Amino acid sequence: MSVYSLGIWLVKPGREGDFERAWQELARRTEEEFPGRKAVLMHDRDVHNRFISTGPWESVEQIEQWRASEAFTGSLEPIKDLIERFEPHTLDEAVVIGGGFAG
């Protein structure tokens, strides 16, 4: 069973491209400090300035270490000027079916 981080980001209108670049920097710094992490940023088709980020982790403790790390806190600082709201969540897998979906 895996645990996931999930972020719901409401970006200031017109700042979506800036946010995507800043989030990529957050993901790059996370990869440096926590090698092997997969991170995905999704853009909501219905709410143009809403983004969802997610990725699997080995444990809740690892997510807590990441959220306390310079990779996260330092990268989050410039993002704060680009967003209206950020909701971080930690999720446990409930049901997994298959594994062949390639997106």
C-alpha atoms as a PDB file:
ATOM      1  CA  MET A   1       0.000   0.000   0.000  1.00  0.00           C
ATOM      2  CA  SER A   2       1.284   3.466  -0.926  1.00  0.00           C
ATOM      3  CA  VAL A   3       0.765   6.896   0.507  1.00  0.00           C
ATOM      4  CA  TYR A   4       0.412   9.973  -1.698  1.00  0.00           C
ATOM      5  CA  SER A   5       0.839  13.686  -1.331  1.00  0.00           C
ATOM      6  CA  LEU A   6      -1.846  15.749  -3.017  1.00  0.00           C
ATOM      7  CA  GLY A   7      -1.905  19.485  -3.535  1.00  0.00           C
ATOM      8  CA  ILE A   8      -4.830  21.560  -4.755  1.00  0.00           C
ATOM      9  CA  TRP A   9      -3.559  24.883  -6.080  1.00  0.00           C
ATOM     10  CA  LEU A  10      -5.778  27.819  -7.001  1.00  0.00           C
ATOM     11  CA  VAL A  11      -3.557  30.105  -9.068  1.00  0.00           C
ATOM     12  CA  LYS A  12      -4.110  33.814  -9.570  1.00  0.00           C
ATOM     13  CA  PRO A  13      -5.734  34.248 -13.003  1.00  0.00           C
ATOM     14  CA  GLY A  14      -3.177  34.967 -15.700  1.00  0.00           C
ATOM     15  CA  ARG A  15      -0.297  33.492 -13.652  1.00  0.00           C
ATOM     16  CA  GLU A  16      -0.771  29.866 -14.732  1.00  0.00           C
ATOM     17  CA  GLY A  17       2.413  29.717 -16.851  1.00  0.00           C
ATOM     18  CA  ASP A  18       4.473  31.276 -14.053  1.00  0.00           C
ATOM     19  CA  PHE A  19       3.009  28.763 -11.622  1.00  0.00           C
ATOM     20  CA  GLU A  20       3.837  25.800 -13.876  1.00  0.00           C
ATOM     21  CA  ARG A  21       7.468  26.956 -14.104  1.00  0.00           C
ATOM     22  CA  ALA A  22       7.700  27.496 -10.336  1.00  0.00           C
ATOM     23  CA  TRP A  23       6.122  24.092  -9.666  1.00  0.00           C
ATOM     24  CA  GLN A  24       8.659  22.465 -12.006  1.00  0.00           C
ATOM     25  CA  GLU A  25      11.410  24.003  -9.878  1.00  0.00           C
ATOM     26  CA  LEU A  26       9.756  22.573  -6.756  1.00  0.00           C
ATOM     27  CA  ALA A  27       9.635  19.140  -8.411  1.00  0.00           C
ATOM     28  CA  ARG A  28      13.273  19.415  -9.568  1.00  0.00           C
ATOM     29  CA  ARG A  29      14.487  20.330  -6.072  1.00  0.00           C
ATOM     30  CA  THR A  30      12.380  17.546  -4.571  1.00  0.00           C
ATOM     31  CA  GLU A  31      13.945  15.035  -6.993  1.00  0.00           C
ATOM     32  CA  GLU A  32      17.419  16.174  -5.911  1.00  0.00           C
ATOM     33  CA  GLU A  33      16.657  15.757  -2.215  1.00  0.00           C
ATOM     34  CA  PHE A  34      14.367  12.716  -2.503  1.00  0.00           C
ATOM     35  CA  PRO A  35      15.607  10.729  -5.541  1.00  0.00           C
ATOM     36  CA  GLY A  36      13.164   8.464  -7.313  1.00  0.00           C
ATOM     37  CA  ARG A  37      10.028  10.441  -6.482  1.00  0.00           C
ATOM     38  CA  LYS A  38       7.433  10.703  -9.213  1.00  0.00           C
ATOM     39  CA  ALA A  39       5.454  13.929  -9.285  1.00  0.00           C
ATOM     40  CA  VAL A  40       2.554  14.866 -11.532  1.00  0.00           C
ATOM     41  CA  LEU A  41       0.956  18.277 -12.021  1.00  0.00           C
ATOM     42  CA  MET A  42      -2.503  18.270 -13.601  1.00  0.00           C
ATOM     43  CA  HIS A  43      -4.418  21.249 -14.951  1.00  0.00           C
ATOM     44  CA  ASP A  44      -8.179  21.300 -14.399  1.00  0.00           C
ATOM     45  CA  ARG A  45     -10.034  21.709 -17.722  1.00  0.00           C
ATOM     46  CA  ASP A  46     -13.131  23.118 -16.034  1.00  0.00           C
ATOM     47  CA  VAL A  47     -11.504  25.564 -13.607  1.00  0.00           C
ATOM     48  CA  HIS A  48      -8.721  27.153 -15.649  1.00  0.00           C
ATOM     49  CA  ASN A  49      -6.683  28.370 -12.681  1.00  0.00           C
ATOM     50  CA  ARG A  50      -6.886  25.148 -10.621  1.00  0.00           C
ATOM     51  CA  PHE A  51      -4.026  22.653 -10.605  1.00  0.00           C
ATOM     52  CA  ILE A  52      -3.723  19.320  -8.804  1.00  0.00           C
ATOM     53  CA  SER A  53      -0.343  17.831  -7.908  1.00  0.00           C
ATOM     54  CA  THR A  54       0.245  14.324  -6.658  1.00  0.00           C
ATOM     55  CA  GLY A  55       2.907  11.716  -6.206  1.00  0.00           C
ATOM     56  CA  PRO A  56       3.529   8.462  -4.338  1.00  0.00           C
ATOM     57  CA  TRP A  57       5.823   8.210  -1.307  1.00  0.00           C
ATOM     58  CA  GLU A  58       7.232   5.371   0.747  1.00  0.00           C
ATOM     59  CA  SER A  59       5.693   6.544   4.029  1.00  0.00           C
ATOM     60  CA  VAL A  60       3.857   9.337   5.803  1.00  0.00           C
ATOM     61  CA  GLU A  61       7.138  10.116   7.575  1.00  0.00           C
ATOM     62  CA  GLN A  62       8.843  10.699   4.227  1.00  0.00           C
ATOM     63  CA  ILE A  63       6.087  13.149   3.217  1.00  0.00           C
ATOM     64  CA  GLU A  64       6.525  14.961   6.534  1.00  0.00           C
ATOM     65  CA  GLN A  65      10.308  15.149   5.977  1.00  0.00           C
ATOM     66  CA  TRP A  66       9.718  16.549   2.485  1.00  0.00           C
ATOM     67  CA  ARG A  67       7.216  19.169   3.664  1.00  0.00           C
ATOM     68  CA  ALA A  68       9.753  20.303   6.295  1.00  0.00           C
ATOM     69  CA  SER A  69      12.671  20.281   3.821  1.00  0.00           C
ATOM     70  CA  GLU A  70      14.316  23.255   2.134  1.00  0.00           C
ATOM     71  CA  ALA A  71      13.370  21.690  -1.207  1.00  0.00           C
ATOM     72  CA  PHE A  72       9.699  22.208  -0.316  1.00  0.00           C
ATOM     73  CA  THR A  73       9.708  25.306   1.892  1.00  0.00           C
ATOM     74  CA  GLY A  74      12.254  27.185  -0.226  1.00  0.00           C
ATOM     75  CA  SER A  75      10.421  26.402  -3.465  1.00  0.00           C
ATOM     76  CA  LEU A  76       7.030  27.211  -1.964  1.00  0.00           C
ATOM     77  CA  GLU A  77       8.080  30.750  -1.049  1.00  0.00           C
ATOM     78  CA  PRO A  78       8.080  32.170  -4.622  1.00  0.00           C
ATOM     79  CA  ILE A  79       4.904  30.194  -5.428  1.00  0.00           C
ATOM     80  CA  LYS A  80       3.001  32.038  -2.685  1.00  0.00           C
ATOM     81  CA  ASP A  81       2.894  35.184  -4.836  1.00  0.00           C
ATOM     82  CA  LEU A  82       1.274  33.207  -7.670  1.00  0.00           C
ATOM     83  CA  ILE A  83      -1.560  31.500  -5.818  1.00  0.00           C
ATOM     84  CA  GLU A  84      -4.791  32.389  -4.107  1.00  0.00           C
ATOM     85  CA  ARG A  85      -4.972  29.144  -2.136  1.00  0.00           C
ATOM     86  CA  PHE A  86      -3.078  25.909  -1.538  1.00  0.00           C
ATOM     87  CA  GLU A  87      -4.494  22.805   0.128  1.00  0.00           C
ATOM     88  CA  PRO A  88      -1.983  20.054   0.984  1.00  0.00           C
ATOM     89  CA  HIS A  89      -3.316  16.564   1.679  1.00  0.00           C
ATOM     90  CA  THR A  90      -1.901  13.150   2.526  1.00  0.00           C
ATOM     91  CA  LEU A  91      -3.794  10.175   1.106  1.00  0.00           C
ATOM     92  CA  ASP A  92      -3.672   6.411   1.535  1.00  0.00           C
ATOM     93  CA  GLU A  93      -4.503   4.039  -1.287  1.00  0.00           C
ATOM     94  CA  ALA A  94      -7.913   2.504  -0.761  1.00  0.00           C
ATOM     95  CA  VAL A  95      -8.313   0.395  -3.910  1.00  0.00           C
ATOM     96  CA  VAL A  96      -5.937  -0.252  -6.808  1.00  0.00           C
ATOM     97  CA  ILE A  97      -7.084  -1.983  -9.985  1.00  0.00           C
ATOM     98  CA  GLY A  98      -4.670  -2.857 -12.765  1.00  0.00           C
ATOM     99  CA  GLY A  99      -1.448  -1.112 -13.541  1.00  0.00           C
ATOM    100  CA  GLY A 100      -1.244  -0.938 -17.281  1.00  0.00           C
ATOM    101  CA  PHE A 101      -2.781   2.508 -17.843  1.00  0.00           C
ATOM    102  CA  ALA A 102      -0.278   4.603 -19.770  1.00  0.00           C
ATOM    103  CA  GLY A 103      -2.203   7.886 -19.702  1.00  0.00           C
END
